[in-house]
Amino acid sequence: MTNLVNATGPVVVIRGRGRVSALGLAAGPAIVEASSFTTHATGVPVAALPAVAEATVAALRHSQPAFRQLDRTVLLALLAARQATTAAGWLSEANSQQPTLAVSIGSSRGATGRLEEFHVGFLADGSVPTAASPLTTLGNVASWVAFDAGSPGGAALSHSSTCSSAFQALGNALAWLKAGMADRFLAGGTEAPLTNFTLAQMRAIGIYSPLAAAEWPCRPGAGRPSTFVLGEGAAVFALEQLSAAQAAAETNPLLVLAGVGFGFEAIGSKTGLSADGRHFQQAMRLALTQAALTPADIDAVVLHSPGTPAGDAAERAALQAIFGEELPLLLSNKWLLGHTLGASAALSLDFACHVIETQQWPSAPFPTDLATTATKPIRRILVNAAGFGGNAASVLLARL
């Protein structure tokens, strides 16, 4: 069995991370006493920010005049990126000593709220403000994170590949760091899709949960009916590459991005996927290959599993193709914070970090195949993501 603790080459590590979701600013609670979902004005359950996190976002919006015009998606990314930068200790360094910092942020929809606002105005009077275009482009997200991080000259890259967008951003950051094209990266995903139009789109697909907000309406692995529920949030990671000698000299455990794999399949429906999850299989195999690990080395999998019966079943079929009948522990945070589209992969990775650091997670209060406890230490976790169009991504997280 390969042991990542004895790594002999450079590794990309997570120096710090930040997040915001229906759990507030926390990575994950040990015990959950009540549903984190609320009822939207349209009558459907959603995973919106709690009051304390909402106040933090409002304070950020009013902290600078330029921030008041930004879409909520951008503000969530700014908040998570600031947490990550602070946790990494980058803010305490003198400007003259700061290495090259680049930014890579994924989002499925981008500036959803502002785009809809501008469109309403256009329908009313046939015109839009001058700022409408720059405030609603996808690149608007990463460029504002880079600006706020004090890296106006570093790369600012935005990615959109539906619900795997955050891992596309993370994979790009990993490649740039390994190629020496940047010294540090802020990478992650963000989404604020709780608007009337976006919720109507999800309901039109026929996958939205019929359960009330108080009844834990998002239920990965629970079978029928479909229990997809939209949430909002962001997670950003502060990444650096260390040589083997630098990694060995660290006194504290390191969280390592050991592999990022991608999978693609041609399918008849852009909202569907193959029954055996071929794109999941490809992504997981590539992540394992990059890390020089085998399926037997994996202790747990954080599922993409959004609560749709077909999607949940396809991912589990893919897991059986990779691992056989004895699967690793199956974990999920979507029953706590919903499906956050382009932010979901990043929030799942943040949850995986939390599990490795604390060795605990809350148990789902409904029948499901999600694990409740571990019988051995969890050191290596695969994190899956998938999106419309036949794309999937897997990240292999390991403790060094």
Protein backbone atom coordinates (compact mmCIF):
# COMPACT_ATOMS: atom_id res chain seq x y z
CA MET A 1 0.00 0.00 0.00
CA THR A 2 1.35 3.39 -0.99
CA ASN A 3 1.96 5.76 1.93
CA LEU A 4 1.60 9.43 1.07
CA VAL A 5 3.35 10.32 4.34
CA ASN A 6 6.59 9.32 2.64
CA ALA A 7 6.10 11.59 -0.36
CA THR A 8 9.38 12.28 -2.16
CA GLY A 9 8.30 15.01 -4.59
CA PRO A 10 6.67 18.45 -4.42
CA VAL A 11 3.16 18.59 -2.98
CA VAL A 12 0.40 21.18 -3.19
CA VAL A 13 -0.99 21.92 0.26
CA ILE A 14 -4.01 23.77 1.61
CA ARG A 15 -2.56 26.54 3.77
CA GLY A 16 -5.90 27.98 4.70
CA ARG A 17 -9.54 27.78 3.74
CA GLY A 18 -12.74 29.74 4.18
CA ARG A 19 -16.38 29.14 3.56
CA VAL A 20 -19.91 30.45 3.94
CA SER A 21 -23.10 28.40 3.59
CA ALA A 22 -26.32 27.50 5.34
CA LEU A 23 -24.06 26.40 8.20
CA GLY A 24 -22.80 29.95 8.48
CA LEU A 25 -19.02 30.32 8.56
CA ALA A 26 -18.43 26.86 10.04
CA ALA A 27 -17.04 23.90 8.13
CA GLY A 28 -19.45 21.47 9.76
CA PRO A 29 -21.10 20.80 13.13
CA ALA A 30 -20.49 17.66 15.17
CA ILE A 31 -24.16 17.50 16.17
CA VAL A 32 -27.17 18.87 14.32
CA GLU A 33 -30.34 19.55 16.28
CA ALA A 34 -32.58 21.23 13.71
CA SER A 35 -32.84 21.57 9.95
CA SER A 36 -30.67 24.28 8.41
CA PHE A 37 -33.22 24.77 5.60
CA THR A 38 -35.81 27.53 5.37
CA THR A 39 -38.80 28.23 3.14
CA HIS A 40 -38.22 30.59 0.22
CA ALA A 41 -40.79 33.22 -0.77
CA THR A 42 -41.74 30.95 -3.69
CA GLY A 43 -42.77 28.26 -1.21
CA VAL A 44 -39.93 25.76 -1.78
CA PRO A 45 -37.24 24.78 0.74
CA VAL A 46 -33.79 26.32 0.30
CA ALA A 47 -30.49 26.33 2.15
CA ALA A 48 -29.95 30.07 2.68
CA LEU A 49 -27.38 31.78 4.86
CA PRO A 50 -28.30 32.07 8.54
CA ALA A 51 -28.75 35.49 10.11
CA VAL A 52 -25.20 35.90 11.45
CA ALA A 53 -23.61 35.03 8.10
CA GLU A 54 -26.12 37.27 6.33
CA ALA A 55 -25.07 40.18 8.54
CA THR A 56 -21.42 39.50 7.69
CA VAL A 57 -22.19 39.62 3.96
CA ALA A 58 -24.15 42.86 4.43
CA ALA A 59 -21.24 44.43 6.33
CA LEU A 60 -18.87 43.40 3.55
CA ARG A 61 -21.14 44.93 0.90
CA HIS A 62 -21.12 48.27 2.70
CA SER A 63 -17.42 48.24 3.61
CA GLN A 64 -16.44 49.82 0.28
CA PRO A 65 -18.51 51.88 -2.17
CA ALA A 66 -17.43 49.65 -5.08
CA PHE A 67 -18.74 46.54 -3.30
CA ARG A 68 -22.31 47.84 -3.15
CA GLN A 69 -22.86 47.14 -6.85
CA LEU A 70 -21.51 43.58 -6.77
CA ASP A 71 -23.58 40.45 -7.19
CA ARG A 72 -24.11 38.29 -4.14
CA THR A 73 -22.06 35.51 -5.79
CA VAL A 74 -19.02 37.79 -5.81
CA LEU A 75 -19.52 38.86 -2.19
CA LEU A 76 -19.69 35.25 -1.01
CA ALA A 77 -16.43 34.54 -2.83
CA LEU A 78 -14.79 37.61 -1.29
CA LEU A 79 -15.86 36.53 2.19
CA ALA A 80 -14.53 32.98 1.78
CA ALA A 81 -11.29 34.19 0.18
CA ARG A 82 -10.64 36.59 3.05
CA GLN A 83 -11.05 33.75 5.53
CA ALA A 84 -8.67 31.55 3.54
CA THR A 85 -6.04 34.26 3.25
CA THR A 86 -6.21 35.00 6.96
CA ALA A 87 -6.01 31.31 7.89
CA ALA A 88 -2.97 30.90 5.66
CA GLY A 89 -1.18 33.76 7.43
CA TRP A 90 -0.60 35.58 4.17
CA LEU A 91 -1.96 38.90 5.45
CA SER A 92 0.82 39.21 8.04
CA GLU A 93 3.58 39.28 5.46
CA ALA A 94 5.16 42.46 4.16
CA ASN A 95 4.10 43.41 0.65
CA SER A 96 7.66 43.26 -0.64
CA GLN A 97 7.92 39.63 0.45
CA GLN A 98 4.67 38.38 -1.03
CA PRO A 99 5.07 35.73 -3.76
CA THR A 100 3.01 35.82 -6.95
CA LEU A 101 -0.64 35.20 -6.09
CA ALA A 102 -3.15 33.99 -8.67
CA VAL A 103 -6.89 33.42 -8.35
CA SER A 104 -9.10 30.72 -9.86
CA ILE A 105 -12.82 30.69 -9.02
CA GLY A 106 -15.59 28.48 -10.37
CA SER A 107 -19.29 29.30 -10.62
CA SER A 108 -22.05 27.62 -12.56
CA ARG A 109 -24.24 30.70 -13.02
CA GLY A 110 -22.11 33.65 -11.94
CA ALA A 111 -23.89 36.91 -11.19
CA THR A 112 -27.40 35.41 -11.17
CA GLY A 113 -29.11 38.04 -9.04
CA ARG A 114 -27.73 41.10 -10.78
CA LEU A 115 -28.34 39.62 -14.22
CA GLU A 116 -31.99 39.07 -13.39
CA GLU A 117 -32.28 42.58 -11.95
CA PHE A 118 -30.80 44.14 -15.08
CA HIS A 119 -33.10 42.05 -17.27
CA VAL A 120 -36.18 43.19 -15.35
CA GLY A 121 -35.09 46.78 -15.89
CA PHE A 122 -34.52 46.13 -19.58
CA LEU A 123 -38.01 44.68 -19.99
CA ALA A 124 -39.47 47.71 -18.22
CA ASP A 125 -37.77 50.52 -20.17
CA GLY A 126 -35.63 48.92 -22.89
CA SER A 127 -32.25 50.02 -21.49
CA VAL A 128 -29.57 48.81 -19.09
CA PRO A 129 -26.91 50.65 -17.06
CA THR A 130 -23.39 50.91 -18.41
CA ALA A 131 -22.10 48.61 -15.66
CA ALA A 132 -24.51 45.79 -16.53
CA SER A 133 -22.07 43.87 -18.72
CA PRO A 134 -18.91 44.04 -16.56
CA LEU A 135 -20.91 43.25 -13.42
CA THR A 136 -22.46 40.09 -14.88
CA THR A 137 -19.57 38.44 -16.75
CA LEU A 138 -18.21 35.26 -15.18
CA GLY A 139 -14.73 36.78 -15.05
CA ASN A 140 -16.16 39.41 -12.73
CA VAL A 141 -15.96 36.90 -9.85
CA ALA A 142 -12.25 36.04 -9.94
CA SER A 143 -11.16 39.57 -10.82
CA TRP A 144 -12.83 41.02 -7.71
CA VAL A 145 -11.31 38.31 -5.49
CA ALA A 146 -7.89 39.12 -6.94
CA PHE A 147 -8.46 42.84 -6.43
CA ASP A 148 -9.51 42.35 -2.83
CA ALA A 149 -6.56 40.03 -2.16
CA GLY A 150 -4.11 42.71 -3.30
CA SER A 151 -3.00 40.85 -6.40
CA PRO A 152 -3.91 43.14 -9.30
CA GLY A 153 -1.10 41.77 -11.49
CA GLY A 154 -1.67 38.06 -10.83
CA ALA A 155 -3.80 35.78 -12.97
CA ALA A 156 -7.54 35.99 -12.29
CA LEU A 157 -9.30 33.02 -13.87
CA SER A 158 -12.98 32.10 -13.80
CA HIS A 159 -14.43 28.69 -14.67
CA SER A 160 -17.90 27.42 -15.46
CA SER A 161 -18.58 23.73 -15.93
CA THR A 162 -21.93 23.56 -14.14
CA CYS A 163 -21.69 21.77 -10.78
CA SER A 164 -18.04 20.68 -11.14
CA SER A 165 -16.92 24.29 -11.70
CA ALA A 166 -15.01 24.60 -8.41
CA PHE A 167 -12.90 21.52 -9.18
CA GLN A 168 -12.16 22.85 -12.65
CA ALA A 169 -10.79 25.94 -10.88
CA LEU A 170 -8.88 23.80 -8.39
CA GLY A 171 -7.39 21.61 -11.11
CA ASN A 172 -6.26 24.69 -12.98
CA ALA A 173 -4.61 26.07 -9.84
CA LEU A 174 -2.87 22.74 -9.20
CA ALA A 175 -1.47 22.69 -12.75
CA TRP A 176 -0.23 26.28 -12.56
CA LEU A 177 1.50 25.70 -9.24
CA LYS A 178 3.21 22.52 -10.44
CA ALA A 179 4.31 24.31 -13.62
CA GLY A 180 5.83 27.17 -11.61
CA MET A 181 3.47 29.72 -13.19
CA ALA A 182 2.37 31.01 -9.77
CA ASP A 183 3.64 30.74 -6.20
CA ARG A 184 0.27 30.81 -4.50
CA PHE A 185 -3.34 30.38 -5.48
CA LEU A 186 -6.74 31.26 -4.11
CA ALA A 187 -9.04 28.68 -5.69
CA GLY A 188 -12.60 27.57 -5.05
CA GLY A 189 -16.22 28.05 -6.02
CA THR A 190 -19.14 30.36 -5.31
CA GLU A 191 -22.86 30.50 -6.08
CA ALA A 192 -25.88 32.56 -5.02
CA PRO A 193 -28.73 30.96 -6.98
CA LEU A 194 -31.67 31.49 -4.63
CA THR A 195 -33.58 33.69 -7.05
CA ASN A 196 -37.10 33.17 -8.34
CA PHE A 197 -36.00 32.41 -11.89
CA THR A 198 -33.25 29.94 -10.95
CA LEU A 199 -35.54 28.13 -8.51
CA ALA A 200 -38.16 27.93 -11.28
CA GLN A 201 -35.56 26.35 -13.57
CA MET A 202 -34.75 23.65 -11.04
CA ARG A 203 -38.42 22.94 -10.41
CA ALA A 204 -39.04 22.69 -14.16
CA ILE A 205 -36.58 19.80 -14.39
CA GLY A 206 -38.81 17.89 -11.99
CA ILE A 207 -36.15 17.06 -9.41
CA TYR A 208 -36.99 19.47 -6.58
CA SER A 209 -37.75 18.02 -3.15
CA PRO A 210 -41.41 17.83 -2.10
CA LEU A 211 -40.43 17.83 1.60
CA ALA A 212 -40.87 20.82 3.89
CA ALA A 213 -37.88 22.83 5.09
CA ALA A 214 -38.09 21.45 8.64
CA GLU A 215 -38.08 17.83 7.39
CA TRP A 216 -34.49 17.73 6.10
CA PRO A 217 -35.70 18.09 2.50
CA CYS A 218 -32.35 17.21 0.83
CA ARG A 219 -31.67 13.49 1.37
CA PRO A 220 -28.68 12.04 -0.51
CA GLY A 221 -28.85 8.28 -0.84
CA ALA A 222 -32.40 8.01 0.50
CA GLY A 223 -33.98 6.91 -2.81
CA ARG A 224 -37.29 8.17 -4.11
CA PRO A 225 -38.70 10.77 -4.36
CA SER A 226 -36.06 13.12 -5.68
CA THR A 227 -34.91 15.44 -2.90
CA PHE A 228 -32.79 18.02 -4.70
CA VAL A 229 -32.74 21.38 -2.86
CA LEU A 230 -30.86 24.52 -3.88
CA GLY A 231 -28.46 26.21 -1.50
CA GLU A 232 -26.07 29.15 -1.64
CA GLY A 233 -22.49 29.52 -0.50
CA ALA A 234 -18.79 29.62 -1.32
CA ALA A 235 -15.55 27.95 -0.31
CA VAL A 236 -12.02 29.11 -1.19
CA PHE A 237 -8.65 27.48 -0.52
CA ALA A 238 -5.23 29.10 -0.09
CA LEU A 239 -2.81 26.82 -1.94
CA GLU A 240 0.98 26.57 -2.04
CA GLN A 241 3.44 24.05 -3.46
CA LEU A 242 6.11 22.70 -1.10
CA SER A 243 9.18 20.66 -1.90
CA ALA A 244 9.56 17.30 -0.16
CA ALA A 245 12.13 18.88 2.18
CA GLN A 246 9.82 21.78 3.02
CA ALA A 247 6.93 19.40 3.67
CA ALA A 248 9.10 17.24 5.92
CA ALA A 249 10.15 20.31 7.91
CA GLU A 250 6.55 21.27 8.74
CA THR A 251 5.68 20.74 12.40
CA ASN A 252 1.91 20.55 11.89
CA PRO A 253 -0.03 18.04 9.75
CA LEU A 254 -0.60 19.16 6.16
CA LEU A 255 -3.66 18.74 3.97
CA VAL A 256 -2.44 17.78 0.51
CA LEU A 257 -4.21 17.95 -2.84
CA ALA A 258 -2.80 14.64 -4.03
CA GLY A 259 -4.78 14.40 -7.27
CA VAL A 260 -7.45 16.07 -9.37
CA GLY A 261 -9.11 13.91 -12.02
CA PHE A 262 -11.69 14.77 -14.66
CA GLY A 263 -14.15 12.59 -16.53
CA PHE A 264 -16.40 13.20 -19.51
CA GLU A 265 -19.03 11.18 -21.31
CA ALA A 266 -21.27 11.77 -24.29
CA ILE A 267 -24.88 11.29 -23.27
CA GLY A 268 -28.24 11.73 -24.94
CA SER A 269 -29.62 14.15 -22.36
CA LYS A 270 -27.66 17.15 -21.12
CA THR A 271 -29.33 16.79 -17.73
CA GLY A 272 -28.72 13.05 -17.45
CA LEU A 273 -25.82 10.65 -17.06
CA SER A 274 -25.05 7.02 -17.77
CA ALA A 275 -26.42 4.45 -15.35
CA ASP A 276 -22.91 3.26 -14.46
CA GLY A 277 -21.49 6.78 -14.06
CA ARG A 278 -18.68 6.43 -16.58
CA HIS A 279 -17.53 10.03 -16.10
CA PHE A 280 -17.31 9.45 -12.34
CA GLN A 281 -15.23 6.32 -12.94
CA GLN A 282 -12.80 8.16 -15.20
CA ALA A 283 -12.42 11.06 -12.79
CA MET A 284 -11.78 8.85 -9.77
CA ARG A 285 -9.25 6.68 -11.61
CA LEU A 286 -7.31 9.71 -12.80
CA ALA A 287 -7.23 11.22 -9.30
CA LEU A 288 -5.94 7.93 -7.89
CA THR A 289 -3.31 7.66 -10.62
CA GLN A 290 -2.04 11.19 -10.00
CA ALA A 291 -1.67 10.43 -6.30
CA ALA A 292 -0.03 7.03 -6.98
CA LEU A 293 -2.65 5.46 -4.71
CA THR A 294 -4.96 2.47 -5.09
CA PRO A 295 -8.65 2.18 -4.21
CA ALA A 296 -7.63 0.28 -1.06
CA ASP A 297 -5.83 3.42 0.17
CA ILE A 298 -9.05 5.47 0.29
CA ASP A 299 -10.81 5.74 3.64
CA ALA A 300 -13.90 7.72 2.61
CA VAL A 301 -15.68 9.36 -0.31
CA VAL A 302 -17.55 12.67 -0.09
CA LEU A 303 -20.29 12.09 -2.61
CA HIS A 304 -21.64 14.47 -5.21
CA SER A 305 -25.01 12.76 -4.57
CA PRO A 306 -27.56 15.62 -4.82
CA GLY A 307 -30.55 13.56 -3.73
CA THR A 308 -31.77 12.66 -7.23
CA PRO A 309 -32.45 8.90 -7.43
CA ALA A 310 -30.84 8.42 -10.86
CA GLY A 311 -27.80 10.57 -10.06
CA ASP A 312 -27.26 9.00 -6.66
CA ALA A 313 -27.53 5.49 -8.11
CA ALA A 314 -25.13 6.22 -10.99
CA GLU A 315 -22.47 7.52 -8.60
CA ARG A 316 -22.76 4.44 -6.42
CA ALA A 317 -22.52 2.20 -9.48
CA ALA A 318 -19.32 4.03 -10.41
CA LEU A 319 -17.98 3.55 -6.89
CA GLN A 320 -18.64 -0.20 -7.11
CA ALA A 321 -16.77 -0.31 -10.42
CA ILE A 322 -13.76 1.31 -8.76
CA PHE A 323 -13.85 -0.19 -5.26
CA GLY A 324 -15.86 -3.39 -5.63
CA GLU A 325 -18.57 -4.38 -3.18
CA GLU A 326 -16.64 -3.14 -0.11
CA LEU A 327 -17.01 0.61 -0.49
CA PRO A 328 -15.19 3.22 1.60
CA LEU A 329 -17.24 5.29 4.03
CA LEU A 330 -19.81 7.34 2.12
CA LEU A 331 -20.17 10.94 3.34
CA SER A 332 -22.14 14.00 2.26
CA ASN A 333 -22.81 17.54 3.43
CA LYS A 334 -25.64 18.29 1.01
CA TRP A 335 -28.26 17.20 3.53
CA LEU A 336 -26.92 20.10 5.65
CA LEU A 337 -26.46 22.84 3.05
CA GLY A 338 -28.27 21.78 -0.12
CA HIS A 339 -26.83 21.69 -3.60
CA THR A 340 -24.91 24.92 -4.18
CA LEU A 341 -24.23 24.28 -7.89
CA GLY A 342 -20.82 25.76 -8.79
CA ALA A 343 -19.82 26.06 -5.13
CA SER A 344 -20.83 22.53 -4.18
CA ALA A 345 -17.52 20.81 -5.01
CA ALA A 346 -15.54 23.38 -3.00
CA LEU A 347 -17.87 23.07 -0.02
CA SER A 348 -17.59 19.27 -0.25
CA LEU A 349 -13.79 19.55 -0.19
CA ASP A 350 -13.98 21.87 2.80
CA PHE A 351 -16.17 19.26 4.51
CA ALA A 352 -13.57 16.59 3.70
CA CYS A 353 -10.87 18.75 5.31
CA HIS A 354 -13.07 19.08 8.38
CA VAL A 355 -13.56 15.30 8.59
CA ILE A 356 -9.82 14.60 8.33
CA GLU A 357 -9.01 17.25 10.93
CA THR A 358 -11.70 16.31 13.47
CA GLN A 359 -12.40 12.66 12.57
CA GLN A 360 -16.10 13.31 13.09
CA TRP A 361 -19.24 14.42 11.27
CA PRO A 362 -22.96 14.56 12.06
CA SER A 363 -25.27 11.64 11.28
CA ALA A 364 -28.12 12.17 8.85
CA PRO A 365 -31.54 12.03 10.59
CA PHE A 366 -33.18 9.92 7.84
CA PRO A 367 -32.63 6.44 6.34
CA THR A 368 -29.66 6.54 3.95
CA ASP A 369 -26.44 4.73 3.10
CA LEU A 370 -24.28 7.58 4.46
CA ALA A 371 -21.78 6.49 7.12
CA THR A 372 -22.34 7.42 10.74
CA THR A 373 -19.00 6.47 12.31
CA ALA A 374 -15.50 5.31 11.35
CA THR A 375 -13.74 2.21 12.60
CA LYS A 376 -10.27 3.48 11.68
CA PRO A 377 -8.57 6.86 11.20
CA ILE A 378 -9.60 8.74 8.06
CA ARG A 379 -6.49 9.98 6.23
CA ARG A 380 -7.42 9.94 2.56
CA ILE A 381 -10.72 11.08 1.06
CA LEU A 382 -11.97 11.20 -2.52
CA VAL A 383 -14.36 14.06 -3.19
CA ASN A 384 -16.68 13.79 -6.20
CA ALA A 385 -18.50 16.40 -8.26
CA ALA A 386 -20.52 16.22 -11.48
CA GLY A 387 -22.51 18.56 -13.65
CA PHE A 388 -24.86 18.79 -16.60
CA GLY A 389 -23.30 17.89 -19.94
CA GLY A 390 -21.58 14.68 -18.89
CA ASN A 391 -18.68 16.07 -16.87
CA ALA A 392 -17.33 14.89 -13.52
CA ALA A 393 -14.35 15.66 -11.31
CA SER A 394 -12.69 14.03 -8.32
CA VAL A 395 -10.18 15.45 -5.86
CA LEU A 396 -8.03 13.24 -3.67
CA LEU A 397 -7.33 14.86 -0.31
CA ALA A 398 -4.72 13.37 2.01
CA ARG A 399 -3.22 14.18 5.38
CA LEU A 400 0.57 14.36 5.34
